[in-house]
Structure formats: C-alpha cells, structure tokens
C-alpha cells in the first residue's frame, strides 16, 4: 500500500467516522457510535444525573460487539476463499448507514433516546461503526486509526516532540513518516465531525446517507484494486 493510498483511505474513513459519530451524537441525545468509550462515560454519568437516557448507551456496546464479531467471522471466511474482505465490509457498512438514514426519513421523529425510532437508527449506526473498527484492526492495519483520534493525537504529539528535539536522525525520520500518516486522519475526522453537525442541521439523521455513499465509493476503489483493468 503506497503512502498516497494510505492518505486517501485514512482520510475518507476518518471523515466517515467523524460524520457518523457527530451526526448521531447530536441527533440521538448524546449517543456515541464510532467512539463507544464515550458511552461508558455517559452510563457512569447517568448514575448521578438520572436523565433516563441510559438504554441506548447500554444497547450500543453489545450491538457494536456483535458487528465486530460478525466482521471477524466474515473476514476469516473470505480470506479462505481469497476474496476481498474490505469490499464486503464496506458494502455492509454502507448498507447499515443507508438503512439508518432511511429509518430517519420513514419513522416518527424521536422525542426521547429510548423511543423505537431512536433505537433503530442508533443501533444501525453503531453496527456500521463496529464494522469499520473491525476492518481497521483486521484488514487495514497499515492505516492509522480512523475512529479513535485519541491514539492518533497522542502519537502525533510524541512524534512532533521527537522531530523537534531528538538528536537521533533515524528517530526523527521515523517520527516524520508517522506524522505524515497520522495527520490526514485527524484532519479528516475533524472535518467529518463538522460536516456531520452541518448535515444534521440541514437534513436531520437522513444526512447519514452521505457517509454511506462514501463507503460505496471506497468499496468501488478497493474492488478496482482487486481486479485491475487490463
């Protein structure tokens, strides 16, 4: 995988995760989809505030885990058949996001986080992000994290310090190379988060069709890599 393809793929995937996480967080009463750690924090906060919004946070974890488990089984089966697992996962991620957007358009708007429409939309989005998280760990290990920016920001700061202060030339070169890989995902996630908020303001949770479409485009790109034109 070339440096340019790493930049393109990590940027698109980072944008998707930032868009979905923010759009759903804004639209579904503070539910995290890509960054499930946030739901643990909100569950803890519920013990103090008693807002009654704990059900979707509790459901998000098993849904996320089931999506990861399904991805792991699918990747194993597709590898045995020498099929492109990235394409398959991206297609299913797109499907879940399209379904989430369709539910937002067709179901009654949720007044509370525990409403059926909110749970349906939120859990579909959680499943989509579970697939993307699994894909990063199983198939796209050369890419930086595209869903959890804490890892990237921490490493980027460490690398910046190394580049500025280290006397070891090799360490500086390694840090500079990592930095070029990390920052596109960080910037793209930030832009995705801003776009997710803007998308929700413009089209509500139906805006989730945007990252779904990007998943389709990226799947087409990987399918082209698998079967290059003669």
Foldseek 3Di string as FASTA:
>chain_A
DDLVVLLVVLLLLLLLQLLLQQLLCVQQVHQGQLPLVVLVVVLVVCVPVVPVQNVLNVVLVVLLVVLLVVLVVQVVVCVVVVHDSLLVLLLLLLVLLQVLLVLCVPPDRDPHNPDPSNSSSRSSSNSSSSSVQNCCVPPVVVADDSRDCVVLVVLLVVLVCCLPDPPDPVSVVVSVSSNSRRVSSVVSSVVSNVVSVVLCVVPNSNSSNVSSVSSNVVSVVVVCVVPPDD
